[in-house]
């Protein structure tokens, strides 16, 4: 019987029983039965079947693996995560993410003004909001408003021009200044189909020279205390664990040098990109060569 690689990518979320694909949850309904019940209501396709319990399971797995790695490595730092809204803005997904993630202070990431407005409306106070992507004065001002509302928000700059926007808005208004993050352009390249979005040839991020200039700009405008995060993007669908280890060492060295330069409130390294999703149906052509356990161990061990 052809299983289409469910044992490879399914993570035990689905099972095949008597020739039917079933959801491995509670009464284990089959996808065929669900479709037949939907057809009886006279609804026609295309249809999207959503299983919110899988969101909760993934969030639990993510945090439990990092908490285990933190304990095993005697690490004094903490793990925080944000869901990038560009992936899915549908309320069925966002509401489930916020509901299941609230006990972990799981936050949201925005890459546009619309996404930032959504993040401000949905993120519980105390959970992080990060802002990436292109920014103009209006979007930066919206970030200041979020900080003034009490949100734990970090605006990550991807060029010196964006830092100038933040400095200008801070000087023009009396709103609370948000945390400032800086995307650094590492020398190390990522792996996988999006590898070209990383390394020195990447379009976004500050070079080492620009990074020094950014620190000087923050210091001159009495804003260095708001610099709390560095961010790097190693490419989506990261396939090789060796790539992650290499970029973590480089990012860790940059972090340490920035602390020596007087960035006393710098406290976070934001790992951009993401773990690869396994699409393969054959063991010989797997998309990634690591597990979530190995990923979390590598991050915590190397940064420690």
C-alpha atoms as a PDB file:
ATOM      1  CA  UNK A   1       0.000   0.000   0.000  1.00  0.00           C
ATOM      2  CA  UNK A   2       1.333   3.440  -0.967  1.00  0.00           C
ATOM      3  CA  UNK A   3       1.533   5.723   2.080  1.00  0.00           C
ATOM      4  CA  UNK A   4       2.848   8.867   0.340  1.00  0.00           C
ATOM      5  CA  UNK A   5       5.488   9.280   3.053  1.00  0.00           C
ATOM      6  CA  UNK A   6       3.097   9.888   5.966  1.00  0.00           C
ATOM      7  CA  UNK A   7       5.602   8.150   8.225  1.00  0.00           C
ATOM      8  CA  UNK A   8       8.216  10.747   7.128  1.00  0.00           C
ATOM      9  CA  UNK A   9       6.315  14.059   7.221  1.00  0.00           C
ATOM     10  CA  UNK A  10       3.192  13.219   9.190  1.00  0.00           C
ATOM     11  CA  UNK A  11       4.775  13.373  12.688  1.00  0.00           C
ATOM     12  CA  UNK A  12       2.095  10.890  13.832  1.00  0.00           C
ATOM     13  CA  UNK A  13      -0.616  13.476  13.165  1.00  0.00           C
ATOM     14  CA  UNK A  14      -2.216  11.196  10.567  1.00  0.00           C
ATOM     15  CA  UNK A  15      -2.559   7.438  10.306  1.00  0.00           C
ATOM     16  CA  UNK A  16      -3.751   5.028   7.624  1.00  0.00           C
ATOM     17  CA  UNK A  17      -6.342   2.569   8.879  1.00  0.00           C
ATOM     18  CA  UNK A  18      -8.152   0.140   6.553  1.00  0.00           C
ATOM     19  CA  UNK A  19      -7.089   2.170   3.552  1.00  0.00           C
ATOM     20  CA  UNK A  20      -8.364   5.486   4.929  1.00  0.00           C
ATOM     21  CA  UNK A  21      -6.290   8.491   6.027  1.00  0.00           C
ATOM     22  CA  UNK A  22      -7.399   9.423   9.530  1.00  0.00           C
ATOM     23  CA  UNK A  23      -6.614  12.315  11.866  1.00  0.00           C
ATOM     24  CA  UNK A  24      -4.756  10.823  14.828  1.00  0.00           C
ATOM     25  CA  UNK A  25      -6.752  12.713  17.434  1.00  0.00           C
ATOM     26  CA  UNK A  26      -9.628  11.723  19.763  1.00  0.00           C
ATOM     27  CA  UNK A  27     -12.125   9.680  17.673  1.00  0.00           C
ATOM     28  CA  UNK A  28      -9.689   9.538  14.718  1.00  0.00           C
ATOM     29  CA  UNK A  29     -12.076  10.728  11.985  1.00  0.00           C
ATOM     30  CA  UNK A  30     -11.077   9.925   8.428  1.00  0.00           C
ATOM     31  CA  UNK A  31     -10.584  12.701   5.897  1.00  0.00           C
ATOM     32  CA  UNK A  32     -12.996  10.875   3.593  1.00  0.00           C
ATOM     33  CA  UNK A  33     -15.735  10.814   6.248  1.00  0.00           C
ATOM     34  CA  UNK A  34     -15.234  14.498   7.010  1.00  0.00           C
ATOM     35  CA  UNK A  35     -15.494  15.318   3.299  1.00  0.00           C
ATOM     36  CA  UNK A  36     -18.634  13.211   2.924  1.00  0.00           C
ATOM     37  CA  UNK A  37     -20.282  14.987   5.857  1.00  0.00           C
ATOM     38  CA  UNK A  38     -19.412  18.365   4.355  1.00  0.00           C
ATOM     39  CA  UNK A  39     -20.895  17.282   0.995  1.00  0.00           C
ATOM     40  CA  UNK A  40     -24.192  16.454   2.724  1.00  0.00           C
ATOM     41  CA  UNK A  41     -24.520  20.155   3.642  1.00  0.00           C
ATOM     42  CA  UNK A  42     -24.423  21.000  -0.092  1.00  0.00           C
ATOM     43  CA  UNK A  43     -21.076  22.781   0.232  1.00  0.00           C
ATOM     44  CA  UNK A  44     -18.742  22.353  -2.716  1.00  0.00           C
ATOM     45  CA  UNK A  45     -15.011  22.718  -3.083  1.00  0.00           C
ATOM     46  CA  UNK A  46     -12.404  23.862  -2.878  1.00  0.00           C
ATOM     47  CA  UNK A  47     -12.340  23.379   0.884  1.00  0.00           C
ATOM     48  CA  UNK A  48      -9.652  23.849   3.520  1.00  0.00           C
ATOM     49  CA  UNK A  49      -9.791  21.541   6.531  1.00  0.00           C
ATOM     50  CA  UNK A  50      -8.201  23.118   9.616  1.00  0.00           C
ATOM     51  CA  UNK A  51      -7.136  21.211  12.728  1.00  0.00           C
ATOM     52  CA  UNK A  52      -6.407  23.755  15.503  1.00  0.00           C
ATOM     53  CA  UNK A  53      -5.147  21.043  17.856  1.00  0.00           C
ATOM     54  CA  UNK A  54      -2.095  20.664  15.581  1.00  0.00           C
ATOM     55  CA  UNK A  55      -1.178  24.300  16.242  1.00  0.00           C
ATOM     56  CA  UNK A  56      -1.259  23.649  19.971  1.00  0.00           C
ATOM     57  CA  UNK A  57       0.811  20.495  19.541  1.00  0.00           C
ATOM     58  CA  UNK A  58       3.487  22.295  17.518  1.00  0.00           C
ATOM     59  CA  UNK A  59       3.735  25.153  20.021  1.00  0.00           C
ATOM     60  CA  UNK A  60       4.040  22.679  22.902  1.00  0.00           C
ATOM     61  CA  UNK A  61       6.763  20.757  21.064  1.00  0.00           C
ATOM     62  CA  UNK A  62       8.721  23.937  20.301  1.00  0.00           C
ATOM     63  CA  UNK A  63       8.767  25.234  23.856  1.00  0.00           C
ATOM     64  CA  UNK A  64       9.241  21.865  25.547  1.00  0.00           C
ATOM     65  CA  UNK A  65      12.325  21.144  23.417  1.00  0.00           C
ATOM     66  CA  UNK A  66      13.910  24.499  24.190  1.00  0.00           C
ATOM     67  CA  UNK A  67      13.086  24.235  27.896  1.00  0.00           C
ATOM     68  CA  UNK A  68      14.719  20.808  27.988  1.00  0.00           C
ATOM     69  CA  UNK A  69      17.794  22.116  26.165  1.00  0.00           C
ATOM     70  CA  UNK A  70      18.019  25.108  28.524  1.00  0.00           C
ATOM     71  CA  UNK A  71      17.889  22.803  31.549  1.00  0.00           C
ATOM     72  CA  UNK A  72      20.385  20.267  30.177  1.00  0.00           C
ATOM     73  CA  UNK A  73      22.898  22.963  29.215  1.00  0.00           C
ATOM     74  CA  UNK A  74      22.511  24.962  32.440  1.00  0.00           C
ATOM     75  CA  UNK A  75      21.672  28.023  30.351  1.00  0.00           C
ATOM     76  CA  UNK A  76      20.731  31.231  32.176  1.00  0.00           C
ATOM     77  CA  UNK A  77      18.864  32.819  29.271  1.00  0.00           C
ATOM     78  CA  UNK A  78      15.292  32.321  28.091  1.00  0.00           C
ATOM     79  CA  UNK A  79      13.597  31.234  24.886  1.00  0.00           C
ATOM     80  CA  UNK A  80      10.959  33.395  23.200  1.00  0.00           C
ATOM     81  CA  UNK A  81       9.256  32.914  19.861  1.00  0.00           C
ATOM     82  CA  UNK A  82       7.022  34.850  17.491  1.00  0.00           C
ATOM     83  CA  UNK A  83       4.733  33.656  14.698  1.00  0.00           C
ATOM     84  CA  UNK A  84       5.286  35.518  11.384  1.00  0.00           C
ATOM     85  CA  UNK A  85       1.885  36.785  10.270  1.00  0.00           C
ATOM     86  CA  UNK A  86       2.985  36.750   6.622  1.00  0.00           C
ATOM     87  CA  UNK A  87       2.617  32.965   6.785  1.00  0.00           C
ATOM     88  CA  UNK A  88      -1.098  32.987   7.619  1.00  0.00           C
ATOM     89  CA  UNK A  89      -3.361  35.927   8.527  1.00  0.00           C
ATOM     90  CA  UNK A  90      -6.645  33.979   8.591  1.00  0.00           C
ATOM     91  CA  UNK A  91      -8.486  34.403  11.919  1.00  0.00           C
ATOM     92  CA  UNK A  92      -8.897  30.649  12.351  1.00  0.00           C
ATOM     93  CA  UNK A  93      -5.106  30.288  12.449  1.00  0.00           C
ATOM     94  CA  UNK A  94      -4.167  33.498  14.286  1.00  0.00           C
ATOM     95  CA  UNK A  95      -6.798  33.037  17.005  1.00  0.00           C
ATOM     96  CA  UNK A  96      -5.661  29.449  17.607  1.00  0.00           C
ATOM     97  CA  UNK A  97      -2.022  30.540  17.787  1.00  0.00           C
ATOM     98  CA  UNK A  98      -2.786  33.325  20.272  1.00  0.00           C
ATOM     99  CA  UNK A  99      -4.993  31.054  22.390  1.00  0.00           C
ATOM    100  CA  UNK A 100      -2.559  28.136  22.581  1.00  0.00           C
ATOM    101  CA  UNK A 101       0.525  30.349  22.842  1.00  0.00           C
ATOM    102  CA  UNK A 102      -0.632  32.728  25.570  1.00  0.00           C
ATOM    103  CA  UNK A 103       0.671  30.597  28.443  1.00  0.00           C
ATOM    104  CA  UNK A 104       4.113  30.640  26.798  1.00  0.00           C
ATOM    105  CA  UNK A 105       3.973  34.375  25.966  1.00  0.00           C
ATOM    106  CA  UNK A 106       4.189  33.350  22.314  1.00  0.00           C
ATOM    107  CA  UNK A 107       4.155  36.542  20.232  1.00  0.00           C
ATOM    108  CA  UNK A 108       3.570  37.708  16.673  1.00  0.00           C
ATOM    109  CA  UNK A 109       5.823  39.113  13.953  1.00  0.00           C
ATOM    110  CA  UNK A 110       4.613  41.830  11.578  1.00  0.00           C
ATOM    111  CA  UNK A 111       6.055  42.763   8.205  1.00  0.00           C
ATOM    112  CA  UNK A 112       3.567  45.421   7.102  1.00  0.00           C
ATOM    113  CA  UNK A 113       1.337  48.117   8.586  1.00  0.00           C
ATOM    114  CA  UNK A 114      -1.716  45.875   8.277  1.00  0.00           C
ATOM    115  CA  UNK A 115       0.079  43.014  10.035  1.00  0.00           C
ATOM    116  CA  UNK A 116       1.322  45.359  12.761  1.00  0.00           C
ATOM    117  CA  UNK A 117      -2.222  46.586  13.402  1.00  0.00           C
ATOM    118  CA  UNK A 118      -3.323  42.939  13.627  1.00  0.00           C
ATOM    119  CA  UNK A 119      -0.460  42.109  15.993  1.00  0.00           C
ATOM    120  CA  UNK A 120      -1.339  45.071  18.235  1.00  0.00           C
ATOM    121  CA  UNK A 121      -4.956  43.880  18.397  1.00  0.00           C
ATOM    122  CA  UNK A 122      -4.225  40.206  19.006  1.00  0.00           C
ATOM    123  CA  UNK A 123      -0.981  39.995  21.015  1.00  0.00           C
ATOM    124  CA  UNK A 124      -1.494  39.841  24.799  1.00  0.00           C
ATOM    125  CA  UNK A 125       0.460  42.471  26.726  1.00  0.00           C
ATOM    126  CA  UNK A 126       3.767  40.963  27.798  1.00  0.00           C
ATOM    127  CA  UNK A 127       4.121  38.747  24.729  1.00  0.00           C
ATOM    128  CA  UNK A 128       6.661  40.006  22.170  1.00  0.00           C
ATOM    129  CA  UNK A 129       5.900  41.742  18.896  1.00  0.00           C
ATOM    130  CA  UNK A 130       8.700  42.028  16.350  1.00  0.00           C
ATOM    131  CA  UNK A 131       8.547  44.231  13.259  1.00  0.00           C
ATOM    132  CA  UNK A 132      10.504  43.267  10.159  1.00  0.00           C
ATOM    133  CA  UNK A 133      10.277  44.191   6.496  1.00  0.00           C
ATOM    134  CA  UNK A 134      10.115  47.586   4.797  1.00  0.00           C
ATOM    135  CA  UNK A 135       9.244  50.505   7.077  1.00  0.00           C
ATOM    136  CA  UNK A 136       8.285  54.125   6.518  1.00  0.00           C
ATOM    137  CA  UNK A 137       7.594  56.913   8.997  1.00  0.00           C
ATOM    138  CA  UNK A 138       3.950  55.914   9.387  1.00  0.00           C
ATOM    139  CA  UNK A 139       4.803  52.310  10.250  1.00  0.00           C
ATOM    140  CA  UNK A 140       7.531  53.374  12.674  1.00  0.00           C
ATOM    141  CA  UNK A 141       5.058  55.740  14.380  1.00  0.00           C
ATOM    142  CA  UNK A 142       2.607  52.848  14.694  1.00  0.00           C
ATOM    143  CA  UNK A 143       5.361  50.903  16.460  1.00  0.00           C
ATOM    144  CA  UNK A 144       5.809  53.781  18.913  1.00  0.00           C
ATOM    145  CA  UNK A 145       2.062  53.725  19.569  1.00  0.00           C
ATOM    146  CA  UNK A 146       2.241  49.980  20.295  1.00  0.00           C
ATOM    147  CA  UNK A 147       5.024  50.563  22.819  1.00  0.00           C
ATOM    148  CA  UNK A 148       3.006  53.358  24.437  1.00  0.00           C
ATOM    149  CA  UNK A 149       0.059  50.937  24.764  1.00  0.00           C
ATOM    150  CA  UNK A 150       2.300  48.630  26.793  1.00  0.00           C
ATOM    151  CA  UNK A 151       3.329  46.113  24.139  1.00  0.00           C
ATOM    152  CA  UNK A 152       6.778  44.520  24.282  1.00  0.00           C
ATOM    153  CA  UNK A 153       7.627  45.535  20.727  1.00  0.00           C
ATOM    154  CA  UNK A 154      10.938  45.510  18.870  1.00  0.00           C
ATOM    155  CA  UNK A 155      11.377  47.341  15.572  1.00  0.00           C
ATOM    156  CA  UNK A 156      14.142  45.615  13.652  1.00  0.00           C
ATOM    157  CA  UNK A 157      15.984  47.906  11.248  1.00  0.00           C
ATOM    158  CA  UNK A 158      17.337  46.509   7.987  1.00  0.00           C
ATOM    159  CA  UNK A 159      19.197  49.642   6.879  1.00  0.00           C
ATOM    160  CA  UNK A 160      20.505  52.901   8.319  1.00  0.00           C
ATOM    161  CA  UNK A 161      17.628  54.804   6.725  1.00  0.00           C
ATOM    162  CA  UNK A 162      15.150  52.960   8.927  1.00  0.00           C
ATOM    163  CA  UNK A 163      17.162  53.870  12.010  1.00  0.00           C
ATOM    164  CA  UNK A 164      16.920  57.510  10.951  1.00  0.00           C
ATOM    165  CA  UNK A 165      13.118  57.137  10.866  1.00  0.00           C
ATOM    166  CA  UNK A 166      13.141  55.830  14.457  1.00  0.00           C
ATOM    167  CA  UNK A 167      15.353  58.675  15.666  1.00  0.00           C
ATOM    168  CA  UNK A 168      13.180  61.270  13.896  1.00  0.00           C
ATOM    169  CA  UNK A 169       9.911  59.905  15.313  1.00  0.00           C
ATOM    170  CA  UNK A 170      11.434  59.746  18.814  1.00  0.00           C
ATOM    171  CA  UNK A 171      12.366  63.418  18.562  1.00  0.00           C
ATOM    172  CA  UNK A 172       8.989  64.498  17.191  1.00  0.00           C
ATOM    173  CA  UNK A 173       6.592  62.787  19.592  1.00  0.00           C
ATOM    174  CA  UNK A 174       6.224  62.076  23.285  1.00  0.00           C
ATOM    175  CA  UNK A 175       5.375  58.403  22.842  1.00  0.00           C
ATOM    176  CA  UNK A 176       7.320  55.615  24.522  1.00  0.00           C
ATOM    177  CA  UNK A 177      10.293  54.490  22.452  1.00  0.00           C
ATOM    178  CA  UNK A 178      10.067  50.812  21.398  1.00  0.00           C
ATOM    179  CA  UNK A 179      12.949  48.367  21.556  1.00  0.00           C
ATOM    180  CA  UNK A 180      15.316  48.563  18.598  1.00  0.00           C
ATOM    181  CA  UNK A 181      16.698  45.521  16.830  1.00  0.00           C
ATOM    182  CA  UNK A 182      19.330  45.447  14.107  1.00  0.00           C
ATOM    183  CA  UNK A 183      19.475  42.921  11.302  1.00  0.00           C
ATOM    184  CA  UNK A 184      23.110  42.014  10.696  1.00  0.00           C
ATOM    185  CA  UNK A 185      24.464  40.746   7.395  1.00  0.00           C
ATOM    186  CA  UNK A 186      26.575  37.726   8.261  1.00  0.00           C
ATOM    187  CA  UNK A 187      29.368  36.386   6.085  1.00  0.00           C
ATOM    188  CA  UNK A 188      28.040  32.841   6.422  1.00  0.00           C
ATOM    189  CA  UNK A 189      25.451  31.753   3.869  1.00  0.00           C
ATOM    190  CA  UNK A 190      22.448  29.584   4.575  1.00  0.00           C
ATOM    191  CA  UNK A 191      21.457  26.321   2.936  1.00  0.00           C
ATOM    192  CA  UNK A 192      18.512  25.239   0.841  1.00  0.00           C
ATOM    193  CA  UNK A 193      16.509  26.965  -1.871  1.00  0.00           C
ATOM    194  CA  UNK A 194      16.535  30.342  -0.066  1.00  0.00           C
ATOM    195  CA  UNK A 195      20.270  30.400   0.653  1.00  0.00           C
ATOM    196  CA  UNK A 196      20.772  33.479  -1.550  1.00  0.00           C
ATOM    197  CA  UNK A 197      18.757  35.571   0.937  1.00  0.00           C
ATOM    198  CA  UNK A 198      21.669  35.260   3.381  1.00  0.00           C
ATOM    199  CA  UNK A 199      25.395  35.949   3.369  1.00  0.00           C
ATOM    200  CA  UNK A 200      27.243  39.071   2.218  1.00  0.00           C
ATOM    201  CA  UNK A 201      25.266  39.135  -1.041  1.00  0.00           C
ATOM    202  CA  UNK A 202      21.967  39.430   0.846  1.00  0.00           C
ATOM    203  CA  UNK A 203      19.802  42.434   0.033  1.00  0.00           C
ATOM    204  CA  UNK A 204      18.960  43.327   3.632  1.00  0.00           C
ATOM    205  CA  UNK A 205      20.930  43.772   6.837  1.00  0.00           C
ATOM    206  CA  UNK A 206      23.791  45.938   8.063  1.00  0.00           C
ATOM    207  CA  UNK A 207      27.403  45.193   7.261  1.00  0.00           C
ATOM    208  CA  UNK A 208      29.983  45.384  10.052  1.00  0.00           C
ATOM    209  CA  UNK A 209      30.860  48.960   9.053  1.00  0.00           C
ATOM    210  CA  UNK A 210      27.205  50.014   9.042  1.00  0.00           C
ATOM    211  CA  UNK A 211      26.708  48.275  12.381  1.00  0.00           C
ATOM    212  CA  UNK A 212      29.408  50.461  13.950  1.00  0.00           C
ATOM    213  CA  UNK A 213      27.763  53.521  12.395  1.00  0.00           C
ATOM    214  CA  UNK A 214      24.375  52.497  13.789  1.00  0.00           C
ATOM    215  CA  UNK A 215      25.795  52.208  17.315  1.00  0.00           C
ATOM    216  CA  UNK A 216      27.299  55.694  16.944  1.00  0.00           C
ATOM    217  CA  UNK A 217      23.952  57.108  15.772  1.00  0.00           C
ATOM    218  CA  UNK A 218      22.118  55.562  18.711  1.00  0.00           C
ATOM    219  CA  UNK A 219      24.715  56.838  21.168  1.00  0.00           C
ATOM    220  CA  UNK A 220      24.686  60.371  19.738  1.00  0.00           C
ATOM    221  CA  UNK A 221      20.888  60.544  20.094  1.00  0.00           C
ATOM    222  CA  UNK A 222      20.829  59.029  23.617  1.00  0.00           C
ATOM    223  CA  UNK A 223      18.979  55.942  22.380  1.00  0.00           C
ATOM    224  CA  UNK A 224      21.576  53.204  22.828  1.00  0.00           C
ATOM    225  CA  UNK A 225      19.662  51.905  25.856  1.00  0.00           C
ATOM    226  CA  UNK A 226      16.797  50.927  23.513  1.00  0.00           C
ATOM    227  CA  UNK A 227      19.005  48.616  21.427  1.00  0.00           C
ATOM    228  CA  UNK A 228      18.050  45.148  22.698  1.00  0.00           C
ATOM    229  CA  UNK A 229      18.272  42.659  19.822  1.00  0.00           C
ATOM    230  CA  UNK A 230      20.313  41.553  16.850  1.00  0.00           C
ATOM    231  CA  UNK A 231      18.653  39.603  14.082  1.00  0.00           C
ATOM    232  CA  UNK A 232      20.003  37.501  11.255  1.00  0.00           C
ATOM    233  CA  UNK A 233      18.300  35.588   8.464  1.00  0.00           C
ATOM    234  CA  UNK A 234      19.902  32.353   7.425  1.00  0.00           C
ATOM    235  CA  UNK A 235      17.269  31.504   4.824  1.00  0.00           C
ATOM    236  CA  UNK A 236      13.910  29.755   5.015  1.00  0.00           C
ATOM    237  CA  UNK A 237      13.774  25.973   4.708  1.00  0.00           C
ATOM    238  CA  UNK A 238      17.172  25.565   6.383  1.00  0.00           C
ATOM    239  CA  UNK A 239      18.244  22.064   5.429  1.00  0.00           C
ATOM    240  CA  UNK A 240      21.642  21.584   7.117  1.00  0.00           C
ATOM    241  CA  UNK A 241      22.275  21.755  10.875  1.00  0.00           C
ATOM    242  CA  UNK A 242      25.943  22.546  10.165  1.00  0.00           C
ATOM    243  CA  UNK A 243      24.835  25.825   8.585  1.00  0.00           C
ATOM    244  CA  UNK A 244      22.960  26.830  11.731  1.00  0.00           C
ATOM    245  CA  UNK A 245      25.974  26.059  13.917  1.00  0.00           C
ATOM    246  CA  UNK A 246      28.247  28.169  11.717  1.00  0.00           C
ATOM    247  CA  UNK A 247      25.991  31.238  11.691  1.00  0.00           C
ATOM    248  CA  UNK A 248      25.299  30.986  15.424  1.00  0.00           C
ATOM    249  CA  UNK A 249      29.015  31.169  16.172  1.00  0.00           C
ATOM    250  CA  UNK A 250      29.361  34.250  13.959  1.00  0.00           C
ATOM    251  CA  UNK A 251      26.270  35.937  15.415  1.00  0.00           C
ATOM    252  CA  UNK A 252      27.439  35.130  18.939  1.00  0.00           C
ATOM    253  CA  UNK A 253      30.784  36.807  18.300  1.00  0.00           C
ATOM    254  CA  UNK A 254      29.035  39.922  16.952  1.00  0.00           C
ATOM    255  CA  UNK A 255      26.750  39.957  19.993  1.00  0.00           C
ATOM    256  CA  UNK A 256      29.739  39.821  22.340  1.00  0.00           C
ATOM    257  CA  UNK A 257      31.581  42.608  20.497  1.00  0.00           C
ATOM    258  CA  UNK A 258      28.505  44.853  20.619  1.00  0.00           C
ATOM    259  CA  UNK A 259      28.266  44.323  24.373  1.00  0.00           C
ATOM    260  CA  UNK A 260      31.908  45.414  24.660  1.00  0.00           C
ATOM    261  CA  UNK A 261      31.059  48.534  22.639  1.00  0.00           C
ATOM    262  CA  UNK A 262      28.575  49.642  25.281  1.00  0.00           C
ATOM    263  CA  UNK A 263      25.300  48.032  24.171  1.00  0.00           C
ATOM    264  CA  UNK A 264      24.508  47.147  27.781  1.00  0.00           C
ATOM    265  CA  UNK A 265      20.813  46.390  27.202  1.00  0.00           C
ATOM    266  CA  UNK A 266      21.426  44.038  24.279  1.00  0.00           C
ATOM    267  CA  UNK A 267      19.840  40.782  25.432  1.00  0.00           C
ATOM    268  CA  UNK A 268      18.474  38.812  22.477  1.00  0.00           C
ATOM    269  CA  UNK A 269      19.543  37.075  19.281  1.00  0.00           C
ATOM    270  CA  UNK A 270      16.674  36.623  16.834  1.00  0.00           C
ATOM    271  CA  UNK A 271      17.152  33.639  14.525  1.00  0.00           C
ATOM    272  CA  UNK A 272      15.477  34.438  11.209  1.00  0.00           C
ATOM    273  CA  UNK A 273      14.417  31.965   8.571  1.00  0.00           C
ATOM    274  CA  UNK A 274      13.147  28.744   9.993  1.00  0.00           C
ATOM    275  CA  UNK A 275      13.267  25.020  10.407  1.00  0.00           C
ATOM    276  CA  UNK A 276      12.654  23.162   7.185  1.00  0.00           C
ATOM    277  CA  UNK A 277       9.243  21.600   6.621  1.00  0.00           C
ATOM    278  CA  UNK A 278       9.601  17.997   5.521  1.00  0.00           C
ATOM    279  CA  UNK A 279       7.817  17.551   2.185  1.00  0.00           C
ATOM    280  CA  UNK A 280       9.648  14.453   1.016  1.00  0.00           C
ATOM    281  CA  UNK A 281       7.873  11.153   0.416  1.00  0.00           C
ATOM    282  CA  UNK A 282      11.104   9.162   0.257  1.00  0.00           C
ATOM    283  CA  UNK A 283      13.800   8.629   2.922  1.00  0.00           C
ATOM    284  CA  UNK A 284      16.569   9.209   0.355  1.00  0.00           C
ATOM    285  CA  UNK A 285      15.383  12.745  -0.516  1.00  0.00           C
ATOM    286  CA  UNK A 286      14.628  14.301   2.854  1.00  0.00           C
ATOM    287  CA  UNK A 287      14.539  18.104   3.051  1.00  0.00           C
ATOM    288  CA  UNK A 288      16.402  18.374   6.367  1.00  0.00           C
ATOM    289  CA  UNK A 289      19.037  16.406   8.225  1.00  0.00           C
ATOM    290  CA  UNK A 290      18.091  17.336  11.802  1.00  0.00           C
ATOM    291  CA  UNK A 291      15.263  17.145  14.317  1.00  0.00           C
ATOM    292  CA  UNK A 292      13.680  19.831  16.477  1.00  0.00           C
ATOM    293  CA  UNK A 293      15.570  18.326  19.427  1.00  0.00           C
ATOM    294  CA  UNK A 294      18.905  18.722  17.624  1.00  0.00           C
ATOM    295  CA  UNK A 295      17.978  22.247  16.514  1.00  0.00           C
ATOM    296  CA  UNK A 296      17.157  23.411  20.053  1.00  0.00           C
ATOM    297  CA  UNK A 297      20.261  21.717  21.488  1.00  0.00           C
ATOM    298  CA  UNK A 298      22.497  23.449  18.930  1.00  0.00           C
ATOM    299  CA  UNK A 299      21.007  26.889  19.533  1.00  0.00           C
ATOM    300  CA  UNK A 300      21.233  26.743  23.322  1.00  0.00           C
ATOM    301  CA  UNK A 301      24.640  25.036  23.518  1.00  0.00           C
ATOM    302  CA  UNK A 302      26.377  27.348  21.038  1.00  0.00           C
ATOM    303  CA  UNK A 303      24.904  30.595  22.362  1.00  0.00           C
ATOM    304  CA  UNK A 304      25.744  29.557  25.915  1.00  0.00           C
END
